[in-house]
Amino acid sequence: MGFRIQKRVKVGKKSHVNVSNSGVSTSVKIGRLTLNSRGRNSIRLFKGLSLKF
């Protein structure tokens, strides 16, 4: 069993800095679309369900 560290810090109205075991990244939310600096993007279909691409 391994441990996972993840911290999300809000830096603006719709932007965050994400800190985890694998490093630091940023994310920006534009409407239903979330863009991540590592290329992990997702779109929110409705509450509780999102599609990652």
C-alpha atoms as a PDB file:
ATOM      1  CA  MET A   1       0.000   0.000   0.000  1.00  0.00           C
ATOM      2  CA  GLY A   2       1.403   3.390  -0.984  1.00  0.00           C
ATOM      3  CA  PHE A   3       0.674   6.902   0.123  1.00  0.00           C
ATOM      4  CA  ARG A   4      -0.519   9.612  -2.213  1.00  0.00           C
ATOM      5  CA  ILE A   5      -0.071  13.322  -1.570  1.00  0.00           C
ATOM      6  CA  GLN A   6      -2.223  15.864  -3.373  1.00  0.00           C
ATOM      7  CA  LYS A   7      -2.882  19.524  -2.557  1.00  0.00           C
ATOM      8  CA  ARG A   8      -4.868  22.032  -4.594  1.00  0.00           C
ATOM      9  CA  VAL A   9      -4.380  25.760  -3.941  1.00  0.00           C
ATOM     10  CA  LYS A  10      -6.689  28.367  -5.451  1.00  0.00           C
ATOM     11  CA  VAL A  11      -4.712  31.243  -6.997  1.00  0.00           C
ATOM     12  CA  GLY A  12      -7.471  33.050  -8.900  1.00  0.00           C
ATOM     13  CA  LYS A  13     -11.196  32.998  -9.441  1.00  0.00           C
ATOM     14  CA  LYS A  14     -11.004  29.979 -11.790  1.00  0.00           C
ATOM     15  CA  SER A  15      -7.392  28.807 -11.570  1.00  0.00           C
ATOM     16  CA  HIS A  16      -5.527  26.435  -9.265  1.00  0.00           C
ATOM     17  CA  VAL A  17      -2.024  25.173  -8.583  1.00  0.00           C
ATOM     18  CA  ASN A  18      -1.942  21.418  -8.022  1.00  0.00           C
ATOM     19  CA  VAL A  19       0.869  19.836  -5.982  1.00  0.00           C
ATOM     20  CA  SER A  20       1.266  16.044  -5.896  1.00  0.00           C
ATOM     21  CA  ASN A  21       3.876  13.304  -5.700  1.00  0.00           C
ATOM     22  CA  SER A  22       4.539  13.671  -9.431  1.00  0.00           C
ATOM     23  CA  GLY A  23       5.156  17.446  -9.316  1.00  0.00           C
ATOM     24  CA  VAL A  24       3.392  20.776  -9.725  1.00  0.00           C
ATOM     25  CA  SER A  25       0.845  21.755 -12.386  1.00  0.00           C
ATOM     26  CA  THR A  26      -1.714  24.477 -12.999  1.00  0.00           C
ATOM     27  CA  SER A  27      -5.328  24.233 -14.094  1.00  0.00           C
ATOM     28  CA  VAL A  28      -7.781  26.794 -15.444  1.00  0.00           C
ATOM     29  CA  LYS A  29     -11.538  26.362 -15.675  1.00  0.00           C
ATOM     30  CA  ILE A  30     -13.368  27.924 -18.634  1.00  0.00           C
ATOM     31  CA  GLY A  31     -17.069  27.187 -18.349  1.00  0.00           C
ATOM     32  CA  ARG A  32     -17.456  23.392 -18.425  1.00  0.00           C
ATOM     33  CA  LEU A  33     -13.913  22.874 -19.765  1.00  0.00           C
ATOM     34  CA  THR A  34     -10.878  22.401 -17.496  1.00  0.00           C
ATOM     35  CA  LEU A  35      -7.411  22.846 -19.027  1.00  0.00           C
ATOM     36  CA  ASN A  36      -4.359  21.459 -17.232  1.00  0.00           C
ATOM     37  CA  SER A  37      -0.729  22.426 -17.905  1.00  0.00           C
ATOM     38  CA  ARG A  38       0.167  18.731 -18.279  1.00  0.00           C
ATOM     39  CA  GLY A  39      -2.341  18.224 -21.079  1.00  0.00           C
ATOM     40  CA  ARG A  40      -4.947  16.448 -18.963  1.00  0.00           C
ATOM     41  CA  ASN A  41      -8.127  18.180 -20.035  1.00  0.00           C
ATOM     42  CA  SER A  42     -11.724  17.401 -19.123  1.00  0.00           C
ATOM     43  CA  ILE A  43     -15.232  18.602 -19.860  1.00  0.00           C
ATOM     44  CA  ARG A  44     -18.036  18.477 -17.311  1.00  0.00           C
ATOM     45  CA  LEU A  45     -21.116  16.825 -18.799  1.00  0.00           C
ATOM     46  CA  PHE A  46     -23.288  17.395 -15.735  1.00  0.00           C
ATOM     47  CA  LYS A  47     -22.876  17.352 -11.964  1.00  0.00           C
ATOM     48  CA  GLY A  48     -20.855  14.326 -10.934  1.00  0.00           C
ATOM     49  CA  LEU A  49     -19.858  13.223 -14.461  1.00  0.00           C
ATOM     50  CA  SER A  50     -16.974  14.468 -16.568  1.00  0.00           C
ATOM     51  CA  LEU A  51     -15.184  13.273 -19.694  1.00  0.00           C
ATOM     52  CA  LYS A  52     -11.378  13.305 -19.752  1.00  0.00           C
ATOM     53  CA  PHE A  53      -9.496  13.678 -23.033  1.00  0.00           C
END
